[in-house]
């Protein structure tokens, strides 16, 4: 079974769409690139016949979340990422806001993952992977929050909250909350444990047939 990846697909696409290639080329091979609606649609359509593999990175519990999305029982998903300010590589207003963080934790963004991806393409692959796993919600309904916290000199914190069957407003819905503490030096964009996760993704990106697969 032939397999495709975001990077190989985009190399072909860029030959006929130079403008979009220049806009997204720095994100090739990164799940954040799929926050672009047209690219995501094209890749999902191609995945009807080929395997499309999405690296999970620091995203914890992706397979279970995808199962819920497949059954239509996933109601809501939020990913919160907390890092030292120097570990964020941001664009636009978020960069300006992050540059002003001195001694207290500041929430830089809290909203749809789609809007965040272009502003933090180096930091939110975890959230993009979550939006792809939670395909019944997608980039517009999966929520992402990034917090710049000067006290986090040794860790990157990723919190994943999931809501399933039941009444969320009444507090009776299925709910799971996980917190991943990843050792990381000040200024590091990626925590040390994520490198092993990426290697596992590379080694596992084969043999699953057509469809979109977390690996």
Protein backbone atom coordinates (compact mmCIF):
# COMPACT_ATOMS: atom_id res chain seq x y z
CA UNK A 1 0.00 0.00 0.00
CA UNK A 2 1.46 3.33 -1.07
CA UNK A 3 1.77 5.86 1.74
CA UNK A 4 1.78 9.65 1.66
CA UNK A 5 2.87 12.21 4.19
CA UNK A 6 2.12 15.92 4.50
CA UNK A 7 5.66 16.71 3.38
CA UNK A 8 5.68 14.54 0.25
CA UNK A 9 2.20 15.66 -0.75
CA UNK A 10 3.09 19.31 -0.28
CA UNK A 11 6.22 18.99 -2.41
CA UNK A 12 4.03 17.90 -5.31
CA UNK A 13 1.38 20.52 -4.60
CA UNK A 14 3.91 23.33 -4.39
CA UNK A 15 4.87 22.83 -8.03
CA UNK A 16 1.45 24.03 -9.13
CA UNK A 17 0.73 26.46 -6.29
CA UNK A 18 3.84 28.51 -5.64
CA UNK A 19 2.17 31.21 -3.56
CA UNK A 20 0.67 28.78 -1.07
CA UNK A 21 3.90 26.81 -0.99
CA UNK A 22 5.86 29.85 0.12
CA UNK A 23 3.31 30.51 2.84
CA UNK A 24 3.36 27.00 4.28
CA UNK A 25 6.74 25.61 3.36
CA UNK A 26 8.17 26.24 6.83
CA UNK A 27 5.46 23.99 8.26
CA UNK A 28 5.93 21.03 5.90
CA UNK A 29 5.71 17.75 7.77
CA UNK A 30 4.10 19.54 10.74
CA UNK A 31 0.46 18.94 11.75
CA UNK A 32 -0.04 22.70 12.07
CA UNK A 33 0.03 22.91 8.26
CA UNK A 34 -3.30 21.12 8.18
CA UNK A 35 -4.99 24.05 9.93
CA UNK A 36 -5.24 25.34 6.37
CA UNK A 37 -8.71 24.12 5.36
CA UNK A 38 -7.91 23.50 1.71
CA UNK A 39 -4.77 21.52 2.48
CA UNK A 40 -6.52 19.43 5.14
CA UNK A 41 -9.37 18.65 2.74
CA UNK A 42 -6.96 17.67 -0.04
CA UNK A 43 -4.95 15.40 2.24
CA UNK A 44 -8.04 13.76 3.73
CA UNK A 45 -9.38 13.12 0.25
CA UNK A 46 -6.06 11.58 -0.77
CA UNK A 47 -6.15 9.45 2.38
CA UNK A 48 -9.20 7.64 0.99
CA UNK A 49 -6.71 5.63 -1.06
CA UNK A 50 -3.42 6.13 0.81
CA UNK A 51 -2.21 6.11 4.40
CA UNK A 52 -1.72 9.58 5.90
CA UNK A 53 0.32 9.49 9.12
CA UNK A 54 0.15 12.26 11.72
CA UNK A 55 2.89 12.35 14.41
CA UNK A 56 1.31 12.61 17.85
CA UNK A 57 4.28 14.39 19.45
CA UNK A 58 3.38 15.49 22.98
CA UNK A 59 -0.31 14.68 22.49
CA UNK A 60 -1.41 12.12 25.08
CA UNK A 61 -4.45 9.86 24.65
CA UNK A 62 -4.91 10.47 20.94
CA UNK A 63 -6.11 6.99 20.03
CA UNK A 64 -8.86 7.05 22.65
CA UNK A 65 -9.95 10.51 21.56
CA UNK A 66 -10.06 9.40 17.91
CA UNK A 67 -12.23 6.41 18.88
CA UNK A 68 -14.70 8.78 20.53
CA UNK A 69 -14.67 11.02 17.45
CA UNK A 70 -15.28 7.99 15.22
CA UNK A 71 -18.37 7.10 17.28
CA UNK A 72 -19.54 10.71 17.48
CA UNK A 73 -19.44 10.70 21.30
CA UNK A 74 -16.73 13.34 21.68
CA UNK A 75 -18.38 16.59 22.75
CA UNK A 76 -15.44 18.85 23.56
CA UNK A 77 -11.66 18.87 23.73
CA UNK A 78 -9.25 21.44 25.14
CA UNK A 79 -5.47 21.38 25.15
CA UNK A 80 -3.57 23.76 27.45
CA UNK A 81 0.17 24.19 27.04
CA UNK A 82 2.31 25.93 29.66
CA UNK A 83 5.94 26.85 29.07
CA UNK A 84 8.59 29.34 30.07
CA UNK A 85 8.14 32.48 27.88
CA UNK A 86 11.48 31.86 26.13
CA UNK A 87 10.21 28.50 24.88
CA UNK A 88 7.48 30.09 22.78
CA UNK A 89 8.29 31.08 19.19
CA UNK A 90 5.35 33.25 18.28
CA UNK A 91 4.14 35.62 15.58
CA UNK A 92 2.22 38.90 15.58
CA UNK A 93 0.39 40.15 18.66
CA UNK A 94 1.11 36.95 20.58
CA UNK A 95 4.84 37.60 20.30
CA UNK A 96 4.40 41.13 21.64
CA UNK A 97 2.28 39.86 24.51
CA UNK A 98 4.78 37.13 25.36
CA UNK A 99 7.68 39.59 25.32
CA UNK A 100 5.97 41.53 28.12
CA UNK A 101 5.74 38.55 30.49
CA UNK A 102 8.11 39.15 33.40
CA UNK A 103 7.35 37.35 36.67
CA UNK A 104 3.75 36.08 36.54
CA UNK A 105 2.02 33.47 34.41
CA UNK A 106 0.01 34.98 31.54
CA UNK A 107 -2.53 33.30 29.28
CA UNK A 108 -1.48 34.36 25.79
CA UNK A 109 -4.32 32.72 23.88
CA UNK A 110 -7.49 30.78 24.62
CA UNK A 111 -9.68 29.86 21.65
CA UNK A 112 -9.99 27.74 18.50
CA UNK A 113 -6.86 25.85 17.50
CA UNK A 114 -7.22 26.91 13.86
CA UNK A 115 -6.57 30.57 14.67
CA UNK A 116 -3.61 29.72 16.88
CA UNK A 117 -1.65 27.54 14.45
CA UNK A 118 -0.40 30.38 12.17
CA UNK A 119 0.67 32.40 15.21
CA UNK A 120 2.60 29.60 16.93
CA UNK A 121 3.53 27.06 14.22
CA UNK A 122 6.59 25.81 16.13
CA UNK A 123 4.78 25.28 19.43
CA UNK A 124 1.30 23.87 18.81
CA UNK A 125 1.79 20.68 16.81
CA UNK A 126 0.32 18.92 19.85
CA UNK A 127 -2.88 20.91 19.49
CA UNK A 128 -3.00 20.35 15.74
CA UNK A 129 -2.66 16.60 16.28
CA UNK A 130 -5.53 16.84 18.78
CA UNK A 131 -7.72 18.63 16.24
CA UNK A 132 -6.99 15.93 13.66
CA UNK A 133 -7.75 13.11 16.10
CA UNK A 134 -10.95 14.85 17.19
CA UNK A 135 -12.14 15.02 13.60
CA UNK A 136 -15.81 15.46 14.52
CA UNK A 137 -14.80 18.76 16.17
CA UNK A 138 -11.85 19.76 14.01
CA UNK A 139 -9.63 22.82 14.17
CA UNK A 140 -12.54 25.21 14.73
CA UNK A 141 -14.10 23.48 17.76
CA UNK A 142 -11.06 22.02 19.51
CA UNK A 143 -9.88 24.67 21.96
CA UNK A 144 -6.25 25.58 22.58
CA UNK A 145 -4.71 27.63 25.37
CA UNK A 146 -1.07 28.66 25.73
CA UNK A 147 0.29 30.06 28.98
CA UNK A 148 3.66 31.76 29.40
CA UNK A 149 4.87 30.95 32.92
CA UNK A 150 8.29 32.25 34.07
CA UNK A 151 8.32 29.74 36.94
CA UNK A 152 8.54 26.78 34.54
CA UNK A 153 12.30 26.58 34.30
CA UNK A 154 12.44 22.78 34.06
CA UNK A 155 9.19 21.65 32.45
CA UNK A 156 6.72 21.92 29.62
CA UNK A 157 3.19 21.15 30.85
CA UNK A 158 0.50 19.84 28.47
CA UNK A 159 -2.99 19.43 29.87
CA UNK A 160 -5.64 17.59 27.83
CA UNK A 161 -9.30 17.74 28.82
CA UNK A 162 -11.93 15.61 27.11
CA UNK A 163 -15.72 15.61 27.45
CA UNK A 164 -17.84 12.76 26.15
CA UNK A 165 -21.40 11.43 26.58
CA UNK A 166 -23.64 13.19 29.08
CA UNK A 167 -24.64 16.72 29.99
CA UNK A 168 -21.63 19.05 30.21
CA UNK A 169 -23.68 21.94 31.64
CA UNK A 170 -24.94 19.79 34.52
CA UNK A 171 -21.51 18.32 35.17
CA UNK A 172 -22.68 14.79 34.39
CA UNK A 173 -20.73 14.24 31.16
CA UNK A 174 -17.87 11.78 30.77
CA UNK A 175 -14.69 13.73 31.53
CA UNK A 176 -11.00 12.89 31.41
CA UNK A 177 -8.13 15.25 32.32
CA UNK A 178 -4.49 14.34 31.81
CA UNK A 179 -1.42 16.40 32.69
CA UNK A 180 1.89 15.65 30.97
CA UNK A 181 5.03 17.13 32.58
CA UNK A 182 7.88 16.98 30.08
CA UNK A 183 11.44 17.88 31.19
CA UNK A 184 12.69 20.88 29.21
CA UNK A 185 15.41 23.46 29.50
CA UNK A 186 14.70 27.19 29.42
CA UNK A 187 14.31 28.27 25.82
CA UNK A 188 13.71 24.78 24.47
CA UNK A 189 10.80 24.66 22.02
CA UNK A 190 10.43 20.88 22.46
CA UNK A 191 10.59 18.91 25.70
CA UNK A 192 13.14 16.11 25.90
CA UNK A 193 10.61 13.24 25.99
CA UNK A 194 8.99 14.39 22.74
CA UNK A 195 12.06 13.45 20.69
CA UNK A 196 11.53 9.79 21.59
CA UNK A 197 7.86 10.15 20.68
CA UNK A 198 8.79 11.54 17.27
CA UNK A 199 11.21 8.66 16.63
CA UNK A 200 8.43 6.20 17.50
CA UNK A 201 6.16 8.03 15.05
CA UNK A 202 8.70 7.68 12.25
CA UNK A 203 9.14 3.97 12.96
CA UNK A 204 5.40 3.37 13.19
CA UNK A 205 4.28 5.29 10.10
CA UNK A 206 3.52 2.33 7.85
CA UNK A 207 1.27 -0.63 7.25
CA UNK A 208 -2.10 0.74 8.42
CA UNK A 209 -3.66 1.11 4.99
CA UNK A 210 -5.82 4.01 3.77
CA UNK A 211 -7.02 6.66 6.19
CA UNK A 212 -5.67 9.23 8.62
CA UNK A 213 -3.59 7.62 11.35
CA UNK A 214 -1.95 8.99 14.49
CA UNK A 215 1.47 7.49 15.00
